[in-house]
Amino acid sequence: MPLVPIINNPDFNVNIKQIGRFSEIKEMIRFSYKKGNNDVEVIKPKYCWITSHTCRRSFCTNEFLAGTPVELIMKISGHKSLRDFYKYIRITPEEQAVKLKKSGSKEMI
């Protein structure tokens, strides 16, 4: 028997949204997209947009900013290429500058 219960992706997404709601992550988020020739705009509380993918991306970004070795993060997240990993994480230009300053590197991420 696994130490952590196995849960399918749809159930995980329902549960993580409930956790977000209980945590009062209620900032309203606007999402716009095209449907045919029409512009559609959806406004929902932030917790409604949280998914397993959000968790994965946040984990990768937060661990990267915390200084965890990239190779370890990639092993955990399943990324195969460094190029794809760096495209995947979300860091602001300010966070990038701080990271570069700490590393002493002149190369942009």
PDB file of N, CA and C in Angstrom:
ATOM      1  N   MET A   1       0.848  -1.188   0.000  1.00  0.00           N
ATOM      2  CA  MET A   1       0.000   0.000   0.000  1.00  0.00           C
ATOM      3  C   MET A   1       0.892   1.250   0.000  1.00  0.00           C
ATOM      4  N   PRO A   2       0.603   2.217  -0.889  1.00  0.00           N
ATOM      5  CA  PRO A   2       1.434   3.426  -0.949  1.00  0.00           C
ATOM      6  C   PRO A   2       1.288   4.278   0.315  1.00  0.00           C
ATOM      7  N   LEU A   3       2.354   5.006   0.648  1.00  0.00           N
ATOM      8  CA  LEU A   3       2.317   5.883   1.816  1.00  0.00           C
ATOM      9  C   LEU A   3       1.363   7.056   1.608  1.00  0.00           C
ATOM     10  N   VAL A   4       1.265   7.501   0.369  1.00  0.00           N
ATOM     11  CA  VAL A   4       0.372   8.606   0.020  1.00  0.00           C
ATOM     12  C   VAL A   4      -0.730   8.037  -0.865  1.00  0.00           C
ATOM     13  N   PRO A   5      -1.987   8.360  -0.573  1.00  0.00           N
ATOM     14  CA  PRO A   5      -3.063   7.819  -1.409  1.00  0.00           C
ATOM     15  C   PRO A   5      -2.917   8.256  -2.865  1.00  0.00           C
ATOM     16  N   ILE A   6      -3.238   7.353  -3.768  1.00  0.00           N
ATOM     17  CA  ILE A   6      -3.209   7.668  -5.192  1.00  0.00           C
ATOM     18  C   ILE A   6      -4.540   8.328  -5.545  1.00  0.00           C
ATOM     19  N   ILE A   7      -4.459   9.450  -6.247  1.00  0.00           N
ATOM     20  CA  ILE A   7      -5.662  10.191  -6.618  1.00  0.00           C
ATOM     21  C   ILE A   7      -5.567  10.547  -8.098  1.00  0.00           C
ATOM     22  N   ASN A   8      -6.682  10.437  -8.796  1.00  0.00           N
ATOM     23  CA  ASN A   8      -6.655  10.772 -10.226  1.00  0.00           C
ATOM     24  C   ASN A   8      -6.649  12.293 -10.408  1.00  0.00           C
ATOM     25  N   ASN A   9      -6.258  12.730 -11.595  1.00  0.00           N
ATOM     26  CA  ASN A   9      -6.080  14.157 -11.870  1.00  0.00           C
ATOM     27  C   ASN A   9      -7.367  14.979 -11.687  1.00  0.00           C
ATOM     28  N   PRO A  10      -8.525  14.532 -12.206  1.00  0.00           N
ATOM     29  CA  PRO A  10      -9.741  15.334 -12.002  1.00  0.00           C
ATOM     30  C   PRO A  10     -10.095  15.519 -10.523  1.00  0.00           C
ATOM     31  N   ASP A  11      -9.966  14.455  -9.726  1.00  0.00           N
ATOM     32  CA  ASP A  11     -10.261  14.571  -8.296  1.00  0.00           C
ATOM     33  C   ASP A  11      -9.254  15.487  -7.604  1.00  0.00           C
ATOM     34  N   PHE A  12      -7.980  15.379  -7.988  1.00  0.00           N
ATOM     35  CA  PHE A  12      -6.954  16.254  -7.425  1.00  0.00           C
ATOM     36  C   PHE A  12      -7.313  17.714  -7.705  1.00  0.00           C
ATOM     37  N   ASN A  13      -7.728  18.003  -8.939  1.00  0.00           N
ATOM     38  CA  ASN A  13      -8.057  19.384  -9.307  1.00  0.00           C
ATOM     39  C   ASN A  13      -9.248  19.917  -8.511  1.00  0.00           C
ATOM     40  N   VAL A  14     -10.249  19.076  -8.258  1.00  0.00           N
ATOM     41  CA  VAL A  14     -11.386  19.485  -7.424  1.00  0.00           C
ATOM     42  C   VAL A  14     -10.897  19.782  -6.011  1.00  0.00           C
ATOM     43  N   ASN A  15     -10.078  18.879  -5.468  1.00  0.00           N
ATOM     44  CA  ASN A  15      -9.586  19.051  -4.099  1.00  0.00           C
ATOM     45  C   ASN A  15      -8.706  20.286  -3.951  1.00  0.00           C
ATOM     46  N   ILE A  16      -7.833  20.545  -4.915  1.00  0.00           N
ATOM     47  CA  ILE A  16      -6.923  21.689  -4.801  1.00  0.00           C
ATOM     48  C   ILE A  16      -7.707  23.006  -4.897  1.00  0.00           C
ATOM     49  N   LYS A  17      -8.797  23.011  -5.648  1.00  0.00           N
ATOM     50  CA  LYS A  17      -9.651  24.204  -5.703  1.00  0.00           C
ATOM     51  C   LYS A  17     -10.325  24.437  -4.348  1.00  0.00           C
ATOM     52  N   GLN A  18     -10.759  23.359  -3.693  1.00  0.00           N
ATOM     53  CA  GLN A  18     -11.372  23.489  -2.367  1.00  0.00           C
ATOM     54  C   GLN A  18     -10.359  24.023  -1.358  1.00  0.00           C
ATOM     55  N   ILE A  19      -9.133  23.530  -1.441  1.00  0.00           N
ATOM     56  CA  ILE A  19      -8.079  24.022  -0.547  1.00  0.00           C
ATOM     57  C   ILE A  19      -7.848  25.513  -0.794  1.00  0.00           C
ATOM     58  N   GLY A  20      -7.828  25.915  -2.061  1.00  0.00           N
ATOM     59  CA  GLY A  20      -7.673  27.329  -2.391  1.00  0.00           C
ATOM     60  C   GLY A  20      -8.804  28.176  -1.839  1.00  0.00           C
ATOM     61  N   ARG A  21     -10.018  27.652  -1.926  1.00  0.00           N
ATOM     62  CA  ARG A  21     -11.183  28.380  -1.399  1.00  0.00           C
ATOM     63  C   ARG A  21     -11.097  28.499   0.120  1.00  0.00           C
ATOM     64  N   PHE A  22     -10.759  27.396   0.803  1.00  0.00           N
ATOM     65  CA  PHE A  22     -10.626  27.422   2.262  1.00  0.00           C
ATOM     66  C   PHE A  22      -9.489  28.340   2.707  1.00  0.00           C
ATOM     67  N   SER A  23      -8.477  28.473   1.855  1.00  0.00           N
ATOM     68  CA  SER A  23      -7.325  29.334   2.162  1.00  0.00           C
ATOM     69  C   SER A  23      -7.608  30.796   1.831  1.00  0.00           C
ATOM     70  N   GLU A  24      -8.800  31.049   1.332  1.00  0.00           N
ATOM     71  CA  GLU A  24      -9.254  32.397   0.997  1.00  0.00           C
ATOM     72  C   GLU A  24      -8.397  33.053  -0.086  1.00  0.00           C
ATOM     73  N   ILE A  25      -8.057  32.274  -1.110  1.00  0.00           N
ATOM     74  CA  ILE A  25      -7.352  32.799  -2.282  1.00  0.00           C
ATOM     75  C   ILE A  25      -8.446  33.295  -3.226  1.00  0.00           C
ATOM     76  N   LYS A  26      -8.960  34.493  -2.937  1.00  0.00           N
ATOM     77  CA  LYS A  26     -10.184  34.955  -3.593  1.00  0.00           C
ATOM     78  C   LYS A  26      -9.996  36.119  -4.556  1.00  0.00           C
ATOM     79  N   GLU A  27      -8.762  36.542  -4.790  1.00  0.00           N
ATOM     80  CA  GLU A  27      -8.529  37.628  -5.743  1.00  0.00           C
ATOM     81  C   GLU A  27      -9.218  37.275  -7.061  1.00  0.00           C
ATOM     82  N   MET A  28      -9.908  38.238  -7.645  1.00  0.00           N
ATOM     83  CA  MET A  28     -10.611  37.986  -8.899  1.00  0.00           C
ATOM     84  C   MET A  28      -9.618  38.038 -10.060  1.00  0.00           C
ATOM     85  N   ILE A  29      -9.671  37.007 -10.914  1.00  0.00           N
ATOM     86  CA  ILE A  29      -8.764  36.884 -12.052  1.00  0.00           C
ATOM     87  C   ILE A  29      -9.590  36.913 -13.337  1.00  0.00           C
ATOM     88  N   ARG A  30      -9.123  37.703 -14.291  1.00  0.00           N
ATOM     89  CA  ARG A  30      -9.793  37.854 -15.580  1.00  0.00           C
ATOM     90  C   ARG A  30      -9.041  37.015 -16.617  1.00  0.00           C
ATOM     91  N   PHE A  31      -9.772  36.219 -17.371  1.00  0.00           N
ATOM     92  CA  PHE A  31      -9.196  35.393 -18.431  1.00  0.00           C
ATOM     93  C   PHE A  31      -9.964  35.678 -19.712  1.00  0.00           C
ATOM     94  N   SER A  32      -9.248  36.044 -20.758  1.00  0.00           N
ATOM     95  CA  SER A  32      -9.876  36.362 -22.044  1.00  0.00           C
ATOM     96  C   SER A  32      -9.414  35.376 -23.108  1.00  0.00           C
ATOM     97  N   TYR A  33     -10.334  35.017 -23.999  1.00  0.00           N
ATOM     98  CA  TYR A  33      -9.983  34.134 -25.110  1.00  0.00           C
ATOM     99  C   TYR A  33     -10.964  34.360 -26.255  1.00  0.00           C
ATOM    100  N   LYS A  34     -10.613  33.818 -27.405  1.00  0.00           N
ATOM    101  CA  LYS A  34     -11.459  33.916 -28.602  1.00  0.00           C
ATOM    102  C   LYS A  34     -12.280  32.644 -28.735  1.00  0.00           C
ATOM    103  N   LYS A  35     -13.548  32.792 -29.064  1.00  0.00           N
ATOM    104  CA  LYS A  35     -14.404  31.653 -29.389  1.00  0.00           C
ATOM    105  C   LYS A  35     -15.062  31.999 -30.713  1.00  0.00           C
ATOM    106  N   GLY A  36     -14.499  31.433 -31.787  1.00  0.00           N
ATOM    107  CA  GLY A  36     -14.938  31.833 -33.120  1.00  0.00           C
ATOM    108  C   GLY A  36     -14.530  33.273 -33.362  1.00  0.00           C
ATOM    109  N   ASN A  37     -15.497  34.105 -33.715  1.00  0.00           N
ATOM    110  CA  ASN A  37     -15.235  35.533 -33.922  1.00  0.00           C
ATOM    111  C   ASN A  37     -15.502  36.371 -32.675  1.00  0.00           C
ATOM    112  N   ASN A  38     -15.891  35.721 -31.602  1.00  0.00           N
ATOM    113  CA  ASN A  38     -16.264  36.442 -30.388  1.00  0.00           C
ATOM    114  C   ASN A  38     -15.131  36.455 -29.367  1.00  0.00           C
ATOM    115  N   ASP A  39     -14.991  37.592 -28.682  1.00  0.00           N
ATOM    116  CA  ASP A  39     -14.088  37.680 -27.540  1.00  0.00           C
ATOM    117  C   ASP A  39     -14.877  37.275 -26.305  1.00  0.00           C
ATOM    118  N   VAL A  40     -14.334  36.332 -25.551  1.00  0.00           N
ATOM    119  CA  VAL A  40     -14.995  35.857 -24.340  1.00  0.00           C
ATOM    120  C   VAL A  40     -14.126  36.251 -23.156  1.00  0.00           C
ATOM    121  N   GLU A  41     -14.767  36.751 -22.108  1.00  0.00           N
ATOM    122  CA  GLU A  41     -14.039  37.126 -20.905  1.00  0.00           C
ATOM    123  C   GLU A  41     -14.684  36.421 -19.719  1.00  0.00           C
ATOM    124  N   VAL A  42     -13.866  35.754 -18.929  1.00  0.00           N
ATOM    125  CA  VAL A  42     -14.343  35.046 -17.749  1.00  0.00           C
ATOM    126  C   VAL A  42     -13.629  35.635 -16.541  1.00  0.00           C
ATOM    127  N   ILE A  43     -14.398  35.976 -15.514  1.00  0.00           N
ATOM    128  CA  ILE A  43     -13.820  36.500 -14.280  1.00  0.00           C
ATOM    129  C   ILE A  43     -14.252  35.568 -13.152  1.00  0.00           C
ATOM    130  N   LYS A  44     -13.252  34.998 -12.464  1.00  0.00           N
ATOM    131  CA  LYS A  44     -13.519  34.059 -11.369  1.00  0.00           C
ATOM    132  C   LYS A  44     -12.509  34.303 -10.255  1.00  0.00           C
ATOM    133  N   PRO A  45     -12.831  33.842  -9.033  1.00  0.00           N
ATOM    134  CA  PRO A  45     -11.836  33.911  -7.965  1.00  0.00           C
ATOM    135  C   PRO A  45     -10.610  33.065  -8.336  1.00  0.00           C
ATOM    136  N   LYS A  46      -9.458  33.489  -7.861  1.00  0.00           N
ATOM    137  CA  LYS A  46      -8.203  32.831  -8.220  1.00  0.00           C
ATOM    138  C   LYS A  46      -8.231  31.331  -7.924  1.00  0.00           C
ATOM    139  N   TYR A  47      -8.854  30.924  -6.816  1.00  0.00           N
ATOM    140  CA  TYR A  47      -8.857  29.501  -6.470  1.00  0.00           C
ATOM    141  C   TYR A  47      -9.536  28.646  -7.537  1.00  0.00           C
ATOM    142  N   CYS A  48     -10.442  29.217  -8.310  1.00  0.00           N
ATOM    143  CA  CYS A  48     -11.118  28.458  -9.371  1.00  0.00           C
ATOM    144  C   CYS A  48     -10.173  28.084 -10.511  1.00  0.00           C
ATOM    145  N   TRP A  49      -9.075  28.801 -10.655  1.00  0.00           N
ATOM    146  CA  TRP A  49      -8.136  28.568 -11.753  1.00  0.00           C
ATOM    147  C   TRP A  49      -7.004  27.619 -11.355  1.00  0.00           C
ATOM    148  N   ILE A  50      -6.912  27.247 -10.081  1.00  0.00           N
ATOM    149  CA  ILE A  50      -5.805  26.395  -9.626  1.00  0.00           C
ATOM    150  C   ILE A  50      -6.014  24.961 -10.115  1.00  0.00           C
ATOM    151  N   THR A  51      -4.950  24.377 -10.697  1.00  0.00           N
ATOM    152  CA  THR A  51      -4.985  22.988 -11.170  1.00  0.00           C
ATOM    153  C   THR A  51      -3.678  22.300 -10.793  1.00  0.00           C
ATOM    154  N   SER A  52      -3.604  21.020 -11.086  1.00  0.00           N
ATOM    155  CA  SER A  52      -2.358  20.284 -10.837  1.00  0.00           C
ATOM    156  C   SER A  52      -1.210  20.910 -11.628  1.00  0.00           C
ATOM    157  N   HIS A  53      -1.503  21.414 -12.811  1.00  0.00           N
ATOM    158  CA  HIS A  53      -0.465  22.061 -13.623  1.00  0.00           C
ATOM    159  C   HIS A  53       0.043  23.332 -12.944  1.00  0.00           C
ATOM    160  N   THR A  54      -0.871  24.104 -12.340  1.00  0.00           N
ATOM    161  CA  THR A  54      -0.475  25.295 -11.593  1.00  0.00           C
ATOM    162  C   THR A  54       0.482  24.906 -10.474  1.00  0.00           C
ATOM    163  N   CYS A  55       0.154  23.824  -9.780  1.00  0.00           N
ATOM    164  CA  CYS A  55       0.993  23.352  -8.673  1.00  0.00           C
ATOM    165  C   CYS A  55       2.378  22.952  -9.173  1.00  0.00           C
ATOM    166  N   ARG A  56       2.419  22.254 -10.287  1.00  0.00           N
ATOM    167  CA  ARG A  56       3.703  21.798 -10.840  1.00  0.00           C
ATOM    168  C   ARG A  56       4.570  22.990 -11.233  1.00  0.00           C
ATOM    169  N   ARG A  57       3.978  23.941 -11.939  1.00  0.00           N
ATOM    170  CA  ARG A  57       4.742  25.117 -12.378  1.00  0.00           C
ATOM    171  C   ARG A  57       5.201  25.937 -11.172  1.00  0.00           C
ATOM    172  N   SER A  58       4.327  26.131 -10.197  1.00  0.00           N
ATOM    173  CA  SER A  58       4.698  26.889  -8.996  1.00  0.00           C
ATOM    174  C   SER A  58       5.824  26.196  -8.247  1.00  0.00           C
ATOM    175  N   PHE A  59       5.736  24.878  -8.122  1.00  0.00           N
ATOM    176  CA  PHE A  59       6.803  24.124  -7.465  1.00  0.00           C
ATOM    177  C   PHE A  59       8.133  24.360  -8.170  1.00  0.00           C
ATOM    178  N   CYS A  60       8.150  24.198  -9.480  1.00  0.00           N
ATOM    179  CA  CYS A  60       9.397  24.359 -10.244  1.00  0.00           C
ATOM    180  C   CYS A  60       9.962  25.767 -10.083  1.00  0.00           C
ATOM    181  N   THR A  61       9.108  26.763 -10.204  1.00  0.00           N
ATOM    182  CA  THR A  61       9.556  28.156 -10.095  1.00  0.00           C
ATOM    183  C   THR A  61      10.062  28.463  -8.694  1.00  0.00           C
ATOM    184  N   ASN A  62       9.296  28.082  -7.675  1.00  0.00           N
ATOM    185  CA  ASN A  62       9.689  28.379  -6.293  1.00  0.00           C
ATOM    186  C   ASN A  62      10.978  27.671  -5.899  1.00  0.00           C
ATOM    187  N   GLU A  63      11.129  26.424  -6.302  1.00  0.00           N
ATOM    188  CA  GLU A  63      12.364  25.698  -5.986  1.00  0.00           C
ATOM    189  C   GLU A  63      13.560  26.301  -6.711  1.00  0.00           C
ATOM    190  N   PHE A  64      13.362  26.719  -7.954  1.00  0.00           N
ATOM    191  CA  PHE A  64      14.432  27.369  -8.709  1.00  0.00           C
ATOM    192  C   PHE A  64      14.875  28.645  -7.996  1.00  0.00           C
ATOM    193  N   LEU A  65      13.909  29.468  -7.582  1.00  0.00           N
ATOM    194  CA  LEU A  65      14.232  30.721  -6.898  1.00  0.00           C
ATOM    195  C   LEU A  65      14.863  30.482  -5.528  1.00  0.00           C
ATOM    196  N   ALA A  66      14.538  29.341  -4.911  1.00  0.00           N
ATOM    197  CA  ALA A  66      15.111  29.011  -3.602  1.00  0.00           C
ATOM    198  C   ALA A  66      16.528  28.456  -3.714  1.00  0.00           C
ATOM    199  N   GLY A  67      16.974  28.196  -4.940  1.00  0.00           N
ATOM    200  CA  GLY A  67      18.341  27.724  -5.129  1.00  0.00           C
ATOM    201  C   GLY A  67      18.500  26.218  -5.211  1.00  0.00           C
ATOM    202  N   THR A  68      17.406  25.482  -5.284  1.00  0.00           N
ATOM    203  CA  THR A  68      17.488  24.031  -5.447  1.00  0.00           C
ATOM    204  C   THR A  68      18.153  23.732  -6.789  1.00  0.00           C
ATOM    205  N   PRO A  69      19.074  22.779  -6.830  1.00  0.00           N
ATOM    206  CA  PRO A  69      19.733  22.462  -8.104  1.00  0.00           C
ATOM    207  C   PRO A  69      18.712  22.118  -9.197  1.00  0.00           C
ATOM    208  N   VAL A  70      18.907  22.721 -10.359  1.00  0.00           N
ATOM    209  CA  VAL A  70      17.980  22.546 -11.479  1.00  0.00           C
ATOM    210  C   VAL A  70      17.833  21.072 -11.839  1.00  0.00           C
ATOM    211  N   GLU A  71      18.926  20.324 -11.792  1.00  0.00           N
ATOM    212  CA  GLU A  71      18.873  18.898 -12.143  1.00  0.00           C
ATOM    213  C   GLU A  71      17.911  18.151 -11.227  1.00  0.00           C
ATOM    214  N   LEU A  72      17.892  18.505  -9.943  1.00  0.00           N
ATOM    215  CA  LEU A  72      16.990  17.849  -8.995  1.00  0.00           C
ATOM    216  C   LEU A  72      15.535  18.230  -9.281  1.00  0.00           C
ATOM    217  N   ILE A  73      15.290  19.508  -9.527  1.00  0.00           N
ATOM    218  CA  ILE A  73      13.921  19.948  -9.846  1.00  0.00           C
ATOM    219  C   ILE A  73      13.421  19.227 -11.093  1.00  0.00           C
ATOM    220  N   MET A  74      14.280  19.137 -12.109  1.00  0.00           N
ATOM    221  CA  MET A  74      13.890  18.473 -13.358  1.00  0.00           C
ATOM    222  C   MET A  74      13.597  16.995 -13.130  1.00  0.00           C
ATOM    223  N   LYS A  75      14.358  16.368 -12.264  1.00  0.00           N
ATOM    224  CA  LYS A  75      14.127  14.949 -11.973  1.00  0.00           C
ATOM    225  C   LYS A  75      12.760  14.764 -11.314  1.00  0.00           C
ATOM    226  N   ILE A  76      12.422  15.657 -10.395  1.00  0.00           N
ATOM    227  CA  ILE A  76      11.134  15.574  -9.700  1.00  0.00           C
ATOM    228  C   ILE A  76       9.979  15.904 -10.646  1.00  0.00           C
ATOM    229  N   SER A  77      10.158  16.945 -11.473  1.00  0.00           N
ATOM    230  CA  SER A  77       9.063  17.415 -12.330  1.00  0.00           C
ATOM    231  C   SER A  77       8.928  16.625 -13.627  1.00  0.00           C
ATOM    232  N   GLY A  78       9.966  15.869 -13.980  1.00  0.00           N
ATOM    233  CA  GLY A  78       9.907  15.069 -15.198  1.00  0.00           C
ATOM    234  C   GLY A  78      10.369  15.789 -16.448  1.00  0.00           C
ATOM    235  N   HIS A  79      10.957  16.976 -16.300  1.00  0.00           N
ATOM    236  CA  HIS A  79      11.485  17.685 -17.472  1.00  0.00           C
ATOM    237  C   HIS A  79      12.729  16.973 -17.978  1.00  0.00           C
ATOM    238  N   LYS A  80      12.806  16.818 -19.287  1.00  0.00           N
ATOM    239  CA  LYS A  80      13.941  16.113 -19.897  1.00  0.00           C
ATOM    240  C   LYS A  80      15.019  17.069 -20.396  1.00  0.00           C
ATOM    241  N   SER A  81      14.621  18.267 -20.834  1.00  0.00           N
ATOM    242  CA  SER A  81      15.626  19.182 -21.384  1.00  0.00           C
ATOM    243  C   SER A  81      15.678  20.472 -20.571  1.00  0.00           C
ATOM    244  N   LEU A  82      16.883  20.972 -20.411  1.00  0.00           N
ATOM    245  CA  LEU A  82      17.113  22.216 -19.692  1.00  0.00           C
ATOM    246  C   LEU A  82      16.388  23.374 -20.382  1.00  0.00           C
ATOM    247  N   ARG A  83      16.420  23.369 -21.693  1.00  0.00           N
ATOM    248  CA  ARG A  83      15.757  24.420 -22.474  1.00  0.00           C
ATOM    249  C   ARG A  83      14.259  24.465 -22.168  1.00  0.00           C
ATOM    250  N   ASP A  84      13.618  23.300 -22.162  1.00  0.00           N
ATOM    251  CA  ASP A  84      12.184  23.248 -21.860  1.00  0.00           C
ATOM    252  C   ASP A  84      11.904  23.680 -20.424  1.00  0.00           C
ATOM    253  N   PHE A  85      12.774  23.282 -19.505  1.00  0.00           N
ATOM    254  CA  PHE A  85      12.593  23.660 -18.103  1.00  0.00           C
ATOM    255  C   PHE A  85      12.606  25.178 -17.948  1.00  0.00           C
ATOM    256  N   TYR A  86      13.591  25.839 -18.545  1.00  0.00           N
ATOM    257  CA  TYR A  86      13.697  27.296 -18.414  1.00  0.00           C
ATOM    258  C   TYR A  86      12.537  28.015 -19.098  1.00  0.00           C
ATOM    259  N   LYS A  87      11.975  27.440 -20.144  1.00  0.00           N
ATOM    260  CA  LYS A  87      10.787  28.023 -20.773  1.00  0.00           C
ATOM    261  C   LYS A  87       9.561  27.829 -19.876  1.00  0.00           C
ATOM    262  N   TYR A  88       9.567  26.775 -19.078  1.00  0.00           N
ATOM    263  CA  TYR A  88       8.415  26.390 -18.268  1.00  0.00           C
ATOM    264  C   TYR A  88       8.253  27.250 -17.017  1.00  0.00           C
ATOM    265  N   ILE A  89       9.373  27.529 -16.342  1.00  0.00           N
ATOM    266  CA  ILE A  89       9.258  28.275 -15.089  1.00  0.00           C
ATOM    267  C   ILE A  89       8.836  29.711 -15.369  1.00  0.00           C
ATOM    268  N   ARG A  90       8.201  30.317 -14.393  1.00  0.00           N
ATOM    269  CA  ARG A  90       7.728  31.694 -14.532  1.00  0.00           C
ATOM    270  C   ARG A  90       8.463  32.564 -13.516  1.00  0.00           C
ATOM    271  N   ILE A  91       9.407  33.361 -14.007  1.00  0.00           N
ATOM    272  CA  ILE A  91      10.067  34.305 -13.119  1.00  0.00           C
ATOM    273  C   ILE A  91      10.010  35.694 -13.743  1.00  0.00           C
ATOM    274  N   THR A  92       9.870  36.681 -12.872  1.00  0.00           N
ATOM    275  CA  THR A  92       9.801  38.064 -13.337  1.00  0.00           C
ATOM    276  C   THR A  92      11.209  38.536 -13.703  1.00  0.00           C
ATOM    277  N   PRO A  93      11.312  39.605 -14.466  1.00  0.00           N
ATOM    278  CA  PRO A  93      12.642  40.160 -14.758  1.00  0.00           C
ATOM    279  C   PRO A  93      13.411  40.522 -13.480  1.00  0.00           C
ATOM    280  N   GLU A  94      12.693  40.996 -12.455  1.00  0.00           N
ATOM    281  CA  GLU A  94      13.344  41.338 -11.189  1.00  0.00           C
ATOM    282  C   GLU A  94      13.914  40.088 -10.518  1.00  0.00           C
ATOM    283  N   GLU A  95      13.129  38.997 -10.506  1.00  0.00           N
ATOM    284  CA  GLU A  95      13.610  37.743  -9.915  1.00  0.00           C
ATOM    285  C   GLU A  95      14.801  37.208 -10.694  1.00  0.00           C
ATOM    286  N   GLN A  96      14.747  37.359 -12.005  1.00  0.00           N
ATOM    287  CA  GLN A  96      15.853  36.910 -12.849  1.00  0.00           C
ATOM    288  C   GLN A  96      17.118  37.697 -12.522  1.00  0.00           C
ATOM    289  N   ALA A  97      16.991  39.000 -12.344  1.00  0.00           N
ATOM    290  CA  ALA A  97      18.147  39.841 -12.026  1.00  0.00           C
ATOM    291  C   ALA A  97      18.757  39.453 -10.683  1.00  0.00           C
ATOM    292  N   VAL A  98      17.910  39.204  -9.686  1.00  0.00           N
ATOM    293  CA  VAL A  98      18.408  38.794  -8.368  1.00  0.00           C
ATOM    294  C   VAL A  98      19.134  37.459  -8.474  1.00  0.00           C
ATOM    295  N   LYS A  99      18.548  36.523  -9.206  1.00  0.00           N
ATOM    296  CA  LYS A  99      19.154  35.196  -9.377  1.00  0.00           C
ATOM    297  C   LYS A  99      20.511  35.313 -10.078  1.00  0.00           C
ATOM    298  N   LEU A 100      20.585  36.134 -11.115  1.00  0.00           N
ATOM    299  CA  LEU A 100      21.842  36.320 -11.841  1.00  0.00           C
ATOM    300  C   LEU A 100      22.895  36.976 -10.959  1.00  0.00           C
ATOM    301  N   LYS A 101      22.473  37.959 -10.166  1.00  0.00           N
ATOM    302  CA  LYS A 101      23.414  38.647  -9.280  1.00  0.00           C
ATOM    303  C   LYS A 101      23.996  37.674  -8.256  1.00  0.00           C
ATOM    304  N   LYS A 102      23.139  36.819  -7.681  1.00  0.00           N
ATOM    305  CA  LYS A 102      23.595  35.834  -6.696  1.00  0.00           C
ATOM    306  C   LYS A 102      24.566  34.837  -7.310  1.00  0.00           C
ATOM    307  N   SER A 103      24.317  34.463  -8.566  1.00  0.00           N
ATOM    308  CA  SER A 103      25.153  33.442  -9.203  1.00  0.00           C
ATOM    309  C   SER A 103      26.447  34.021  -9.758  1.00  0.00           C
ATOM    310  N   GLY A 104      26.469  35.332  -9.972  1.00  0.00           N
ATOM    311  CA  GLY A 104      27.647  35.954 -10.562  1.00  0.00           C
ATOM    312  C   GLY A 104      27.736  35.745 -12.060  1.00  0.00           C
ATOM    313  N   SER A 105      26.700  35.171 -12.657  1.00  0.00           N
ATOM    314  CA  SER A 105      26.695  34.875 -14.089  1.00  0.00           C
ATOM    315  C   SER A 105      26.309  36.106 -14.889  1.00  0.00           C
ATOM    316  N   LYS A 106      26.843  36.193 -16.087  1.00  0.00           N
ATOM    317  CA  LYS A 106      26.485  37.280 -17.003  1.00  0.00           C
ATOM    318  C   LYS A 106      25.438  36.807 -18.017  1.00  0.00           C
ATOM    319  N   GLU A 107      25.145  35.511 -18.018  1.00  0.00           N
ATOM    320  CA  GLU A 107      24.227  34.925 -18.999  1.00  0.00           C
ATOM    321  C   GLU A 107      22.788  35.048 -18.517  1.00  0.00           C
ATOM    322  N   MET A 108      21.902  35.447 -19.421  1.00  0.00           N
ATOM    323  CA  MET A 108      20.483  35.548 -19.090  1.00  0.00           C
ATOM    324  C   MET A 108      19.853  34.161 -19.086  1.00  0.00           C
ATOM    325  N   ILE A 109      18.885  33.987 -18.221  1.00  0.00           N
ATOM    326  CA  ILE A 109      18.182  32.708 -18.113  1.00  0.00           C
ATOM    327  C   ILE A 109      17.100  32.664 -19.155  1.00  0.00           C
TER     328      ILE A 109
END
